[in-house]
Protein backbone atom coordinates (compact mmCIF):
# COMPACT_ATOMS: atom_id res chain seq x y z
CA MET A 1 0.00 0.00 0.00
CA LYS A 2 1.30 3.44 -0.90
CA ILE A 3 0.05 6.29 1.27
CA ALA A 4 0.34 9.90 0.12
CA VAL A 5 0.61 12.21 3.11
CA PHE A 6 -0.07 15.91 2.66
CA CYS A 7 1.27 18.13 5.44
CA GLY A 8 3.23 21.26 6.22
CA SER A 9 6.90 22.01 5.71
CA GLY A 10 6.82 23.67 9.13
CA ASP A 11 5.98 22.23 12.54
CA GLY A 12 3.16 24.64 13.38
CA ASP A 13 2.45 26.02 16.83
CA ASP A 14 1.17 22.91 18.61
CA PRO A 15 3.44 19.99 19.57
CA ALA A 16 0.49 17.70 18.79
CA PHE A 17 1.08 18.36 15.07
CA ALA A 18 4.64 17.01 15.22
CA ALA A 19 3.49 14.05 17.32
CA ALA A 20 0.79 13.24 14.73
CA ALA A 21 3.29 13.39 11.86
CA GLU A 22 5.64 11.03 13.71
CA ALA A 23 2.76 8.69 14.60
CA THR A 24 1.63 8.65 10.98
CA GLY A 25 5.11 7.72 9.81
CA ARG A 26 5.44 5.03 12.49
CA GLU A 27 2.10 3.51 11.51
CA VAL A 28 2.93 3.57 7.78
CA GLY A 29 6.34 2.00 8.43
CA ARG A 30 5.06 -0.57 10.93
CA ARG A 31 2.67 -1.85 8.29
CA GLY A 32 5.47 -2.08 5.71
CA TRP A 33 3.71 0.45 3.52
CA ARG A 34 5.36 3.11 1.35
CA LEU A 35 5.09 6.80 2.13
CA VAL A 36 4.63 9.12 -0.85
CA TYR A 37 5.03 12.74 0.22
CA GLY A 38 6.34 16.17 -0.74
CA GLY A 39 10.02 15.29 -0.39
CA GLY A 40 11.06 17.83 2.25
CA SER A 41 13.29 17.12 5.24
CA VAL A 42 11.89 19.89 7.44
CA GLY A 43 8.69 20.39 9.40
CA LEU A 44 5.95 17.79 9.47
CA MET A 45 7.10 16.46 6.10
CA GLY A 46 10.52 15.57 7.43
CA ARG A 47 9.07 14.09 10.59
CA VAL A 48 6.69 11.74 8.78
CA ALA A 49 9.46 10.58 6.41
CA ARG A 50 12.04 9.90 9.13
CA ALA A 51 9.45 8.09 11.27
CA THR A 52 8.36 5.93 8.32
CA GLN A 53 11.90 4.79 7.64
CA ALA A 54 12.68 4.27 11.33
CA ALA A 55 9.69 1.92 11.54
CA GLY A 56 10.72 -0.08 8.47
CA GLY A 57 8.74 1.58 5.70
CA ALA A 58 9.98 2.95 2.40
CA VAL A 59 9.79 6.63 1.42
CA THR A 60 9.21 8.24 -1.95
CA GLY A 61 9.69 11.99 -1.91
CA VAL A 62 8.39 14.13 -4.76
CA ILE A 63 9.82 17.63 -4.88
CA PRO A 64 10.01 20.42 -7.45
CA ARG A 65 13.55 21.36 -8.41
CA ALA A 66 12.96 24.96 -7.26
CA MET A 67 11.83 23.73 -3.81
CA MET A 68 14.78 21.43 -3.17
CA ARG A 69 16.72 24.11 -1.40
CA ARG A 70 13.81 25.78 0.41
CA GLU A 71 12.37 22.54 1.76
CA LEU A 72 15.77 20.89 2.06
CA ALA A 73 15.04 17.75 0.07
CA PHE A 74 15.09 14.55 2.13
CA GLU A 75 18.12 12.99 0.45
CA ALA A 76 17.70 9.83 2.56
CA SER A 77 14.46 9.00 0.71
CA ASP A 78 14.41 5.53 -0.78
CA GLU A 79 13.34 7.30 -3.95
CA LEU A 80 13.50 11.05 -4.58
CA VAL A 81 11.57 12.19 -7.64
CA VAL A 82 12.53 15.69 -8.79
CA VAL A 83 9.89 17.42 -10.90
CA GLU A 84 9.68 20.86 -12.47
CA THR A 85 6.39 22.24 -11.13
CA MET A 86 4.03 22.00 -8.16
CA ARG A 87 1.32 20.67 -10.48
CA GLU A 88 3.63 17.90 -11.62
CA ARG A 89 4.45 17.13 -7.98
CA LYS A 90 0.77 16.67 -7.15
CA GLN A 91 0.20 14.53 -10.25
CA VAL A 92 3.10 12.20 -9.44
CA MET A 93 1.92 11.88 -5.83
CA ASP A 94 -1.67 11.24 -6.95
CA ASP A 95 -0.61 8.65 -9.51
CA ARG A 96 1.59 6.75 -7.07
CA ALA A 97 -0.81 6.74 -4.11
CA ASP A 98 -3.40 4.17 -3.11
CA ALA A 99 -4.81 6.48 -0.42
CA PHE A 100 -4.39 10.00 0.98
CA VAL A 101 -3.84 11.12 4.57
CA VAL A 102 -3.98 14.83 5.38
CA LEU A 103 -2.17 16.29 8.40
CA PRO A 104 -1.97 19.96 9.43
CA GLY A 105 -0.39 22.33 6.93
CA GLY A 106 -0.86 25.61 5.13
CA PHE A 107 -2.12 26.78 1.76
CA GLY A 108 -0.34 24.02 -0.17
CA THR A 109 -1.89 21.32 2.01
CA LEU A 110 -5.31 22.96 1.67
CA GLU A 111 -4.95 22.96 -2.12
CA GLU A 112 -3.93 19.30 -2.12
CA VAL A 113 -6.86 18.14 0.01
CA ALA A 114 -9.36 20.19 -2.00
CA GLU A 115 -8.09 18.66 -5.22
CA VAL A 116 -8.11 15.01 -4.12
CA VAL A 117 -11.58 15.36 -2.55
CA THR A 118 -12.92 16.98 -5.73
CA HIS A 119 -11.30 14.36 -7.94
CA ARG A 120 -12.70 11.55 -5.82
CA PHE A 121 -16.19 13.04 -6.01
CA LEU A 122 -15.86 13.43 -9.79
CA ASN A 123 -14.71 9.79 -10.00
CA TYR A 124 -11.23 10.53 -11.36
CA HIS A 125 -10.01 8.23 -8.62
CA ASN A 126 -11.54 5.97 -5.99
CA LYS A 127 -8.84 6.33 -3.34
CA PRO A 128 -9.69 7.02 0.31
CA VAL A 129 -9.07 10.54 1.61
CA VAL A 130 -8.63 10.73 5.38
CA ILE A 131 -8.24 14.13 7.06
CA VAL A 132 -6.61 13.96 10.49
CA ASP A 133 -8.13 16.73 12.62
CA VAL A 134 -5.21 16.98 15.04
CA ALA A 135 -6.17 19.17 18.04
CA GLY A 136 -9.07 20.60 16.03
CA PHE A 137 -6.78 21.99 13.30
CA TRP A 138 -9.10 21.03 10.43
CA SER A 139 -12.36 21.87 12.26
CA PRO A 140 -12.76 25.12 10.26
CA LEU A 141 -12.41 23.10 7.05
CA ARG A 142 -15.14 20.72 8.19
CA THR A 143 -17.31 23.77 8.91
CA LEU A 144 -16.54 25.13 5.44
CA PHE A 145 -17.47 21.79 3.85
CA ASP A 146 -20.77 21.89 5.76
CA HIS A 147 -21.29 25.48 4.55
CA PHE A 148 -20.77 24.38 0.92
CA GLU A 149 -23.55 21.84 1.40
CA ALA A 150 -25.87 24.26 3.21
CA ALA A 151 -25.41 26.83 0.42
CA ARG A 152 -26.07 24.08 -2.15
CA PHE A 153 -22.67 24.21 -3.80
CA ALA A 154 -22.05 20.61 -2.75
CA GLY A 155 -24.52 17.82 -2.22
CA PRO A 156 -24.57 15.19 0.53
CA ALA A 157 -22.74 12.78 -1.81
CA TYR A 158 -19.59 14.85 -1.35
CA ARG A 159 -19.37 13.53 2.22
CA GLU A 160 -18.52 10.11 0.77
CA ALA A 161 -15.35 11.58 -0.81
CA TYR A 162 -13.54 12.17 2.50
CA ARG A 163 -13.44 11.19 6.13
CA PHE A 164 -12.37 13.17 9.20
CA VAL A 165 -10.66 11.37 12.09
CA ALA A 166 -9.02 12.65 15.26
CA THR A 167 -5.70 10.77 15.29
CA ALA A 168 -3.06 9.33 13.00
CA GLU A 169 -3.74 5.89 14.44
CA GLU A 170 -7.42 6.18 13.46
CA ALA A 171 -6.44 7.29 9.96
CA LEU A 172 -4.18 4.30 9.34
CA ALA A 173 -6.61 1.88 10.97
CA ALA A 174 -9.28 3.16 8.56
CA LEU A 175 -6.95 2.28 5.68
CA ASP A 176 -6.11 -1.21 7.00
CA ALA A 177 -9.28 -2.66 5.53
CA VAL A 178 -8.91 -0.87 2.21
CA VAL A 179 -7.86 -2.87 -0.79
CA PRO A 180 -5.67 -0.67 -3.01
CA ALA A 181 -8.00 1.30 -5.23
CA ASP A 182 -8.22 0.64 -8.94
CA ARG A 183 -5.76 3.00 -10.59
CA GLU A 184 -8.03 3.49 -13.59
CA ALA A 185 -10.57 6.27 -13.25
CA SER A 186 -13.99 5.59 -14.59
CA GLY A 187 -14.28 9.20 -15.75
CA PRO A 188 -16.26 12.17 -14.49
CA ARG A 189 -19.80 11.74 -13.26
């Protein structure tokens, strides 16, 4: 199983964020799964990668050439894929993943989760999307998703495209029963 983890290149202001990144990596590694992530060695990204390897899992980092210096590419990755653009980074991560786990992060993480949820709803993929609401970090996003539905910009079926959980352990446990999704999209609805 290959798990794409979207998260910040910083640690954030709550130690619970770092603990969740490390727990996610431990759980991915303990299961012998492969982490697919943004390729950085700093912040939550670096923590999840190091924890995955320490627990026996393999790591694929995907990083744009221009970001290698800023995010200090994780050279110890089992595989480091260098791409030219952020869009290419997301595409490579999406193509290589069987499931998505979302940890705290900033605008880039928000963009990534919005895209994979939308693509799942539109049936471009059928891969689980699990959002880990560490210490209530993603609660405003859940409220926004509810607002989209209340304002009739999203229907109740959208709720099937994602799942919120409270901990990294819950996120990985939710994926334990998942058979890797079919890589072929059946096309838009």
